[in-house]
Amino acid sequence: PANIEREIKAITKYKAKHRKCPYCKVVELERKGPRRIAENDSWLAFTPYASIFEFEAGIFTKKHVDSFSQLGEPEILQLAELLKKVLSKLAELQAPYNVYFHEAPPGKKHHVHVKITPRLITWGGFENCTGCIINTVSPEHAAEFFREEAE
């Protein structure tokens, strides 16, 4: 898909300049920040800094892995643990959502992650016309919501 190709180009450009995967850097920063939802040995869940959707969340591998096929059963189970946490909280909002599994196409480099995009609002004329998205829930507030124990 075109969006994955754009991500791969951006990753390649960043790595050439900084000698590090940009997603690895994001994971490093978000582990200590206010947008952190939860983590386990293999994964980190957090709300993105510039989230497009209200209560958007990402779950990223802590180690750089290009493909889900490179993960073992313990890592998959730990992913399921964090997915359950995030999706259980979204159930409290009765929020419809999409889940995207990002990995590298064959022969490419990427950083495995899962993106969860709730669909709580319908974009209006401003968003559709300008491409500028108005998100009324800060990622820090969304992270606080996700960190609360599920009801």
Protein backbone atom coordinates (compact mmCIF):
# COMPACT_ATOMS: atom_id res chain seq x y z
CA PRO A 1 0.00 0.00 0.00
CA ALA A 2 1.08 3.57 -0.71
CA ASN A 3 1.02 4.57 2.97
CA ILE A 4 3.41 1.73 3.87
CA GLU A 5 5.73 2.74 1.02
CA ARG A 6 5.71 6.33 2.35
CA GLU A 7 6.55 5.05 5.84
CA ILE A 8 9.39 2.91 4.48
CA LYS A 9 10.84 5.86 2.52
CA ALA A 10 10.68 8.06 5.64
CA ILE A 11 12.29 5.32 7.78
CA THR A 12 15.07 4.85 5.23
CA LYS A 13 15.75 8.58 5.05
CA TYR A 14 15.79 8.94 8.85
CA LYS A 15 18.07 5.90 9.29
CA ALA A 16 20.52 7.26 6.71
CA LYS A 17 20.79 10.52 8.65
CA HIS A 18 20.57 9.29 12.27
CA ARG A 19 21.72 5.65 11.99
CA LYS A 20 18.69 4.52 13.99
CA CYS A 21 15.12 3.49 13.23
CA PRO A 22 12.77 6.42 13.96
CA TYR A 23 10.23 4.09 15.56
CA CYS A 24 12.91 2.72 17.90
CA LYS A 25 13.55 6.34 18.95
CA VAL A 26 9.82 6.96 19.45
CA VAL A 27 9.52 3.83 21.61
CA GLU A 28 12.48 5.01 23.69
CA LEU A 29 10.90 8.45 24.25
CA GLU A 30 7.30 7.31 24.80
CA ARG A 31 8.28 4.76 27.49
CA LYS A 32 9.03 7.70 29.81
CA GLY A 33 6.32 10.08 28.68
CA PRO A 34 2.76 11.04 29.57
CA ARG A 35 1.29 9.25 26.52
CA ARG A 36 2.39 5.79 27.71
CA ILE A 37 -0.56 3.45 28.24
CA ALA A 38 1.11 0.21 29.28
CA GLU A 39 4.01 -2.07 28.45
CA ASN A 40 5.29 -5.57 28.96
CA ASP A 41 8.58 -7.27 28.12
CA SER A 42 8.05 -7.09 24.35
CA TRP A 43 5.62 -4.26 23.57
CA LEU A 44 4.79 -0.64 24.40
CA ALA A 45 1.30 0.85 24.01
CA PHE A 46 0.92 4.62 23.82
CA THR A 47 -1.18 7.37 22.29
CA PRO A 48 0.60 9.13 19.40
CA TYR A 49 1.76 12.72 19.82
CA ALA A 50 -0.07 13.95 16.72
CA SER A 51 -3.02 11.58 16.75
CA ILE A 52 -5.58 12.03 14.03
CA PHE A 53 -8.38 10.15 15.76
CA GLU A 54 -9.70 10.66 19.27
CA PHE A 55 -8.31 7.90 21.54
CA GLU A 56 -5.98 6.61 18.81
CA ALA A 57 -3.35 4.20 20.13
CA GLY A 58 -0.29 2.37 18.90
CA ILE A 59 1.38 -0.81 20.13
CA PHE A 60 5.03 -1.11 19.09
CA THR A 61 7.61 -3.83 19.55
CA LYS A 62 10.36 -2.75 21.92
CA LYS A 63 13.00 -4.47 19.83
CA HIS A 64 13.34 -3.72 16.15
CA VAL A 65 11.54 -6.42 14.19
CA ASP A 66 10.51 -6.03 10.53
CA SER A 67 7.85 -8.74 10.33
CA PHE A 68 5.33 -10.48 12.56
CA SER A 69 6.78 -13.78 11.33
CA GLN A 70 9.97 -12.92 13.29
CA LEU A 71 8.04 -12.98 16.57
CA GLY A 72 7.74 -15.99 18.82
CA GLU A 73 4.68 -17.22 20.68
CA PRO A 74 5.54 -15.35 23.93
CA GLU A 75 5.76 -12.06 22.01
CA ILE A 76 2.46 -12.69 20.23
CA LEU A 77 0.77 -13.46 23.56
CA GLN A 78 2.16 -10.24 25.02
CA LEU A 79 0.79 -8.32 22.04
CA ALA A 80 -2.61 -9.90 22.68
CA GLU A 81 -2.39 -8.77 26.32
CA LEU A 82 -1.96 -5.11 25.33
CA LEU A 83 -4.52 -5.31 22.52
CA LYS A 84 -7.04 -6.63 25.04
CA LYS A 85 -6.29 -3.76 27.42
CA VAL A 86 -6.72 -1.06 24.77
CA LEU A 87 -9.78 -2.63 23.10
CA SER A 88 -11.48 -3.27 26.46
CA LYS A 89 -11.20 0.42 27.26
CA LEU A 90 -12.60 1.36 23.85
CA ALA A 91 -15.54 -0.96 24.56
CA GLU A 92 -16.41 1.31 27.51
CA LEU A 93 -16.86 4.14 24.99
CA GLN A 94 -18.79 1.85 22.64
CA ALA A 95 -16.33 3.07 20.03
CA PRO A 96 -16.12 1.46 16.62
CA TYR A 97 -12.50 1.15 15.53
CA ASN A 98 -10.06 -0.13 12.95
CA VAL A 99 -6.91 -2.12 13.76
CA TYR A 100 -3.95 -2.00 11.37
CA PHE A 101 -0.99 -4.37 11.54
CA HIS A 102 2.13 -2.72 10.07
CA GLU A 103 5.11 -4.73 8.91
CA ALA A 104 7.68 -4.59 6.12
CA PRO A 105 6.94 -6.02 2.70
CA PRO A 106 9.48 -8.69 1.64
CA GLY A 107 12.98 -7.25 1.27
CA LYS A 108 12.13 -3.96 3.02
CA LYS A 109 12.81 -2.61 6.51
CA HIS A 110 10.11 -1.38 8.89
CA HIS A 111 9.25 -1.61 12.60
CA VAL A 112 6.38 -3.92 13.49
CA HIS A 113 3.48 -2.15 15.15
CA VAL A 114 -0.27 -2.13 15.53
CA LYS A 115 -2.35 1.00 15.08
CA ILE A 116 -5.83 1.33 16.60
CA THR A 117 -8.04 4.11 15.25
CA PRO A 118 -11.40 4.64 16.96
CA ARG A 119 -14.11 6.22 14.83
CA LEU A 120 -15.99 8.37 17.33
CA ILE A 121 -16.64 11.40 15.17
CA THR A 122 -17.53 12.11 11.58
CA TRP A 123 -15.23 14.57 9.89
CA GLY A 124 -16.95 17.78 8.85
CA GLY A 125 -16.42 20.13 5.97
CA PHE A 126 -13.31 21.69 7.49
CA GLU A 127 -11.48 18.36 7.80
CA ASN A 128 -12.65 17.06 4.45
CA CYS A 129 -11.85 20.29 2.60
CA THR A 130 -8.54 21.27 4.21
CA GLY A 131 -7.06 17.95 5.28
CA CYS A 132 -6.49 19.55 8.71
CA ILE A 133 -7.90 17.28 11.39
CA ILE A 134 -9.40 18.64 14.60
CA ASN A 135 -8.96 16.14 17.44
CA THR A 136 -10.72 17.32 20.59
CA VAL A 137 -9.05 14.76 22.89
CA SER A 138 -5.39 15.34 23.70
CA PRO A 139 -3.18 12.24 23.46
CA GLU A 140 -2.18 12.77 27.11
CA HIS A 141 -5.84 12.69 28.21
CA ALA A 142 -6.47 9.61 26.06
CA ALA A 143 -3.48 7.85 27.66
CA GLU A 144 -4.90 8.62 31.13
CA PHE A 145 -8.18 7.02 30.05
CA PHE A 146 -6.43 3.89 28.76
CA ARG A 147 -4.33 3.58 31.94
CA GLU A 148 -7.46 3.47 34.12
CA GLU A 149 -8.56 -0.01 35.09
CA ALA A 150 -11.26 -1.39 32.82
CA GLU A 151 -14.73 -1.42 34.34
